[in-house]
Amino acid sequence: MEIAVKDMIFNNKTVRNTLFDCLDKGIDDVEAGRVHAVEEAFQIVKERMKDELQGSSDG
């Protein structure tokens, strides 16, 4: 299965790794006491996933 993000195609492994990276960063934030409102947290995750996916397609 593949996912298309703004005309880019990524396989499940890339998407899964990106998701786990974002979750790890979120856990690190919680452990460090950086807690966000739900809406803000979702926006942060979306931005980080977008950045990660763009980075993985560049190189």
PDB file of N, CA and C in Angstrom:
ATOM      1  N   MET A   1       0.847  -1.174   0.000  1.00  0.00           N
ATOM      2  CA  MET A   1       0.000   0.000   0.000  1.00  0.00           C
ATOM      3  C   MET A   1       0.888   1.232   0.000  1.00  0.00           C
ATOM      4  N   GLU A   2       0.471   2.259  -0.699  1.00  0.00           N
ATOM      5  CA  GLU A   2       1.213   3.509  -0.768  1.00  0.00           C
ATOM      6  C   GLU A   2       0.291   4.657  -0.419  1.00  0.00           C
ATOM      7  N   ILE A   3       0.890   5.780  -0.048  1.00  0.00           N
ATOM      8  CA  ILE A   3       0.106   6.969   0.264  1.00  0.00           C
ATOM      9  C   ILE A   3       0.613   8.121  -0.593  1.00  0.00           C
ATOM     10  N   ALA A   4      -0.301   8.904  -1.122  1.00  0.00           N
ATOM     11  CA  ALA A   4       0.067  10.061  -1.921  1.00  0.00           C
ATOM     12  C   ALA A   4      -0.089  11.316  -1.080  1.00  0.00           C
ATOM     13  N   VAL A   5       0.947  12.117  -1.037  1.00  0.00           N
ATOM     14  CA  VAL A   5       0.917  13.371  -0.292  1.00  0.00           C
ATOM     15  C   VAL A   5       1.350  14.467  -1.247  1.00  0.00           C
ATOM     16  N   LYS A   6       0.402  15.308  -1.626  1.00  0.00           N
ATOM     17  CA  LYS A   6       0.677  16.400  -2.550  1.00  0.00           C
ATOM     18  C   LYS A   6       1.506  15.930  -3.737  1.00  0.00           C
ATOM     19  N   ASP A   7       0.999  14.944  -4.453  1.00  0.00           N
ATOM     20  CA  ASP A   7       1.605  14.419  -5.669  1.00  0.00           C
ATOM     21  C   ASP A   7       2.898  13.652  -5.435  1.00  0.00           C
ATOM     22  N   MET A   8       3.192  13.289  -4.189  1.00  0.00           N
ATOM     23  CA  MET A   8       4.364  12.479  -3.898  1.00  0.00           C
ATOM     24  C   MET A   8       3.880  11.113  -3.415  1.00  0.00           C
ATOM     25  N   ILE A   9       4.556  10.065  -3.796  1.00  0.00           N
ATOM     26  CA  ILE A   9       4.178   8.715  -3.398  1.00  0.00           C
ATOM     27  C   ILE A   9       5.220   8.180  -2.421  1.00  0.00           C
ATOM     28  N   PHE A  10       4.745   7.616  -1.311  1.00  0.00           N
ATOM     29  CA  PHE A  10       5.617   7.042  -0.293  1.00  0.00           C
ATOM     30  C   PHE A  10       5.120   5.653   0.036  1.00  0.00           C
ATOM     31  N   ASN A  11       6.021   4.729   0.254  1.00  0.00           N
ATOM     32  CA  ASN A  11       5.588   3.383   0.619  1.00  0.00           C
ATOM     33  C   ASN A  11       5.290   3.324   2.106  1.00  0.00           C
ATOM     34  N   ASN A  12       4.706   2.228   2.532  1.00  0.00           N
ATOM     35  CA  ASN A  12       4.306   2.080   3.930  1.00  0.00           C
ATOM     36  C   ASN A  12       5.473   2.220   4.894  1.00  0.00           C
ATOM     37  N   LYS A  13       6.648   1.723   4.527  1.00  0.00           N
ATOM     38  CA  LYS A  13       7.802   1.782   5.420  1.00  0.00           C
ATOM     39  C   LYS A  13       8.176   3.234   5.722  1.00  0.00           C
ATOM     40  N   THR A  14       8.183   4.076   4.715  1.00  0.00           N
ATOM     41  CA  THR A  14       8.508   5.487   4.909  1.00  0.00           C
ATOM     42  C   THR A  14       7.478   6.154   5.805  1.00  0.00           C
ATOM     43  N   VAL A  15       6.217   5.918   5.529  1.00  0.00           N
ATOM     44  CA  VAL A  15       5.141   6.523   6.312  1.00  0.00           C
ATOM     45  C   VAL A  15       5.186   6.026   7.753  1.00  0.00           C
ATOM     46  N   ARG A  16       5.378   4.736   7.923  1.00  0.00           N
ATOM     47  CA  ARG A  16       5.433   4.143   9.267  1.00  0.00           C
ATOM     48  C   ARG A  16       6.619   4.709  10.062  1.00  0.00           C
ATOM     49  N   ASN A  17       7.785   4.787   9.429  1.00  0.00           N
ATOM     50  CA  ASN A  17       8.961   5.329  10.113  1.00  0.00           C
ATOM     51  C   ASN A  17       8.763   6.787  10.491  1.00  0.00           C
ATOM     52  N   THR A  18       8.138   7.553   9.607  1.00  0.00           N
ATOM     53  CA  THR A  18       7.870   8.961   9.887  1.00  0.00           C
ATOM     54  C   THR A  18       6.903   9.105  11.051  1.00  0.00           C
ATOM     55  N   LEU A  19       5.862   8.285  11.053  1.00  0.00           N
ATOM     56  CA  LEU A  19       4.895   8.325  12.138  1.00  0.00           C
ATOM     57  C   LEU A  19       5.568   8.003  13.472  1.00  0.00           C
ATOM     58  N   PHE A  20       6.385   6.949  13.508  1.00  0.00           N
ATOM     59  CA  PHE A  20       7.068   6.580  14.747  1.00  0.00           C
ATOM     60  C   PHE A  20       8.040   7.666  15.190  1.00  0.00           C
ATOM     61  N   ASP A  21       8.703   8.324  14.245  1.00  0.00           N
ATOM     62  CA  ASP A  21       9.596   9.433  14.597  1.00  0.00           C
ATOM     63  C   ASP A  21       8.813  10.568  15.258  1.00  0.00           C
ATOM     64  N   CYS A  22       7.650  10.873  14.692  1.00  0.00           N
ATOM     65  CA  CYS A  22       6.811  11.930  15.263  1.00  0.00           C
ATOM     66  C   CYS A  22       6.315  11.546  16.654  1.00  0.00           C
ATOM     67  N   LEU A  23       5.926  10.302  16.816  1.00  0.00           N
ATOM     68  CA  LEU A  23       5.466   9.846  18.124  1.00  0.00           C
ATOM     69  C   LEU A  23       6.600   9.905  19.144  1.00  0.00           C
ATOM     70  N   ASP A  24       7.803   9.520  18.739  1.00  0.00           N
ATOM     71  CA  ASP A  24       8.967   9.608  19.636  1.00  0.00           C
ATOM     72  C   ASP A  24       9.211  11.045  20.073  1.00  0.00           C
ATOM     73  N   LYS A  25       9.118  11.980  19.133  1.00  0.00           N
ATOM     74  CA  LYS A  25       9.311  13.394  19.471  1.00  0.00           C
ATOM     75  C   LYS A  25       8.222  13.865  20.431  1.00  0.00           C
ATOM     76  N   GLY A  26       7.000  13.394  20.232  1.00  0.00           N
ATOM     77  CA  GLY A  26       5.906  13.757  21.127  1.00  0.00           C
ATOM     78  C   GLY A  26       6.119  13.222  22.533  1.00  0.00           C
ATOM     79  N   ILE A  27       6.608  11.995  22.618  1.00  0.00           N
ATOM     80  CA  ILE A  27       6.903  11.411  23.933  1.00  0.00           C
ATOM     81  C   ILE A  27       8.014  12.200  24.613  1.00  0.00           C
ATOM     82  N   ASP A  28       9.032  12.564  23.846  1.00  0.00           N
ATOM     83  CA  ASP A  28      10.116  13.382  24.401  1.00  0.00           C
ATOM     84  C   ASP A  28       9.584  14.710  24.939  1.00  0.00           C
ATOM     85  N   ASP A  29       8.658  15.333  24.209  1.00  0.00           N
ATOM     86  CA  ASP A  29       8.055  16.594  24.659  1.00  0.00           C
ATOM     87  C   ASP A  29       7.334  16.412  25.988  1.00  0.00           C
ATOM     88  N   VAL A  30       6.553  15.351  26.098  1.00  0.00           N
ATOM     89  CA  VAL A  30       5.801  15.094  27.333  1.00  0.00           C
ATOM     90  C   VAL A  30       6.762  14.855  28.488  1.00  0.00           C
ATOM     91  N   GLU A  31       7.778  14.040  28.256  1.00  0.00           N
ATOM     92  CA  GLU A  31       8.751  13.748  29.308  1.00  0.00           C
ATOM     93  C   GLU A  31       9.496  14.996  29.761  1.00  0.00           C
ATOM     94  N   ALA A  32       9.684  15.948  28.836  1.00  0.00           N
ATOM     95  CA  ALA A  32      10.379  17.193  29.160  1.00  0.00           C
ATOM     96  C   ALA A  32       9.427  18.251  29.717  1.00  0.00           C
ATOM     97  N   GLY A  33       8.142  17.907  29.827  1.00  0.00           N
ATOM     98  CA  GLY A  33       7.171  18.849  30.377  1.00  0.00           C
ATOM     99  C   GLY A  33       6.609  19.830  29.363  1.00  0.00           C
ATOM    100  N   ARG A  34       6.901  19.597  28.084  1.00  0.00           N
ATOM    101  CA  ARG A  34       6.354  20.463  27.031  1.00  0.00           C
ATOM    102  C   ARG A  34       5.039  19.850  26.571  1.00  0.00           C
ATOM    103  N   VAL A  35       3.943  20.309  27.157  1.00  0.00           N
ATOM    104  CA  VAL A  35       2.626  19.757  26.864  1.00  0.00           C
ATOM    105  C   VAL A  35       1.861  20.772  26.013  1.00  0.00           C
ATOM    106  N   HIS A  36       1.144  20.271  25.005  1.00  0.00           N
ATOM    107  CA  HIS A  36       0.415  21.129  24.075  1.00  0.00           C
ATOM    108  C   HIS A  36      -1.074  20.800  24.105  1.00  0.00           C
ATOM    109  N   ALA A  37      -1.889  21.788  23.763  1.00  0.00           N
ATOM    110  CA  ALA A  37      -3.323  21.544  23.575  1.00  0.00           C
ATOM    111  C   ALA A  37      -3.482  20.579  22.399  1.00  0.00           C
ATOM    112  N   VAL A  38      -4.578  19.849  22.361  1.00  0.00           N
ATOM    113  CA  VAL A  38      -4.783  18.821  21.337  1.00  0.00           C
ATOM    114  C   VAL A  38      -4.657  19.401  19.929  1.00  0.00           C
ATOM    115  N   GLU A  39      -5.315  20.511  19.679  1.00  0.00           N
ATOM    116  CA  GLU A  39      -5.281  21.109  18.342  1.00  0.00           C
ATOM    117  C   GLU A  39      -3.860  21.498  17.960  1.00  0.00           C
ATOM    118  N   GLU A  40      -3.138  22.080  18.902  1.00  0.00           N
ATOM    119  CA  GLU A  40      -1.757  22.485  18.652  1.00  0.00           C
ATOM    120  C   GLU A  40      -0.870  21.255  18.417  1.00  0.00           C
ATOM    121  N   ALA A  41      -1.097  20.205  19.184  1.00  0.00           N
ATOM    122  CA  ALA A  41      -0.311  18.975  19.033  1.00  0.00           C
ATOM    123  C   ALA A  41      -0.518  18.365  17.645  1.00  0.00           C
ATOM    124  N   PHE A  42      -1.762  18.319  17.181  1.00  0.00           N
ATOM    125  CA  PHE A  42      -2.026  17.774  15.854  1.00  0.00           C
ATOM    126  C   PHE A  42      -1.362  18.618  14.775  1.00  0.00           C
ATOM    127  N   GLN A  43      -1.369  19.930  14.947  1.00  0.00           N
ATOM    128  CA  GLN A  43      -0.732  20.807  13.971  1.00  0.00           C
ATOM    129  C   GLN A  43       0.780  20.565  13.944  1.00  0.00           C
ATOM    130  N   ILE A  44       1.378  20.405  15.099  1.00  0.00           N
ATOM    131  CA  ILE A  44       2.812  20.136  15.190  1.00  0.00           C
ATOM    132  C   ILE A  44       3.143  18.821  14.499  1.00  0.00           C
ATOM    133  N   VAL A  45       2.343  17.790  14.752  1.00  0.00           N
ATOM    134  CA  VAL A  45       2.575  16.484  14.125  1.00  0.00           C
ATOM    135  C   VAL A  45       2.447  16.591  12.611  1.00  0.00           C
ATOM    136  N   LYS A  46       1.416  17.286  12.135  1.00  0.00           N
ATOM    137  CA  LYS A  46       1.234  17.455  10.694  1.00  0.00           C
ATOM    138  C   LYS A  46       2.446  18.134  10.066  1.00  0.00           C
ATOM    139  N   GLU A  47       2.927  19.202  10.704  1.00  0.00           N
ATOM    140  CA  GLU A  47       4.076  19.933  10.172  1.00  0.00           C
ATOM    141  C   GLU A  47       5.329  19.067  10.177  1.00  0.00           C
ATOM    142  N   ARG A  48       5.539  18.324  11.251  1.00  0.00           N
ATOM    143  CA  ARG A  48       6.725  17.459  11.333  1.00  0.00           C
ATOM    144  C   ARG A  48       6.661  16.335  10.311  1.00  0.00           C
ATOM    145  N   MET A  49       5.488  15.760  10.132  1.00  0.00           N
ATOM    146  CA  MET A  49       5.360  14.690   9.132  1.00  0.00           C
ATOM    147  C   MET A  49       5.602  15.251   7.732  1.00  0.00           C
ATOM    148  N   LYS A  50       5.063  16.426   7.458  1.00  0.00           N
ATOM    149  CA  LYS A  50       5.270  17.055   6.156  1.00  0.00           C
ATOM    150  C   LYS A  50       6.752  17.274   5.927  1.00  0.00           C
ATOM    151  N   ASP A  51       7.450  17.806   6.935  1.00  0.00           N
ATOM    152  CA  ASP A  51       8.889  18.052   6.812  1.00  0.00           C
ATOM    153  C   ASP A  51       9.661  16.755   6.606  1.00  0.00           C
ATOM    154  N   GLU A  52       9.301  15.728   7.380  1.00  0.00           N
ATOM    155  CA  GLU A  52       9.970  14.431   7.283  1.00  0.00           C
ATOM    156  C   GLU A  52       9.747  13.819   5.892  1.00  0.00           C
ATOM    157  N   LEU A  53       8.520  13.872   5.415  1.00  0.00           N
ATOM    158  CA  LEU A  53       8.213  13.283   4.131  1.00  0.00           C
ATOM    159  C   LEU A  53       8.903  14.027   2.994  1.00  0.00           C
ATOM    160  N   GLN A  54       8.949  15.349   3.091  1.00  0.00           N
ATOM    161  CA  GLN A  54       9.637  16.130   2.067  1.00  0.00           C
ATOM    162  C   GLN A  54      11.137  15.834   2.089  1.00  0.00           C
ATOM    163  N   GLY A  55      11.689  15.689   3.275  1.00  0.00           N
ATOM    164  CA  GLY A  55      13.109  15.362   3.405  1.00  0.00           C
ATOM    165  C   GLY A  55      13.443  14.011   2.835  1.00  0.00           C
ATOM    166  N   SER A  56      12.552  13.032   3.042  1.00  0.00           N
ATOM    167  CA  SER A  56      12.825  11.681   2.535  1.00  0.00           C
ATOM    168  C   SER A  56      12.673  11.604   1.024  1.00  0.00           C
ATOM    169  N   SER A  57      11.912  12.499   0.425  1.00  0.00           N
ATOM    170  CA  SER A  57      11.751  12.462  -1.027  1.00  0.00           C
ATOM    171  C   SER A  57      12.835  13.261  -1.738  1.00  0.00           C
ATOM    172  N   ASP A  58      13.534  14.130  -0.990  1.00  0.00           N
ATOM    173  CA  ASP A  58      14.586  14.952  -1.590  1.00  0.00           C
ATOM    174  C   ASP A  58      15.858  14.173  -1.831  1.00  0.00           C
ATOM    175  N   GLY A  59      16.124  13.179  -1.015  1.00  0.00           N
ATOM    176  CA  GLY A  59      17.416  12.527  -1.168  1.00  0.00           C
ATOM    177  C   GLY A  59      17.287  11.115  -1.101  1.00  0.00           C
TER     178      GLY A  59
END
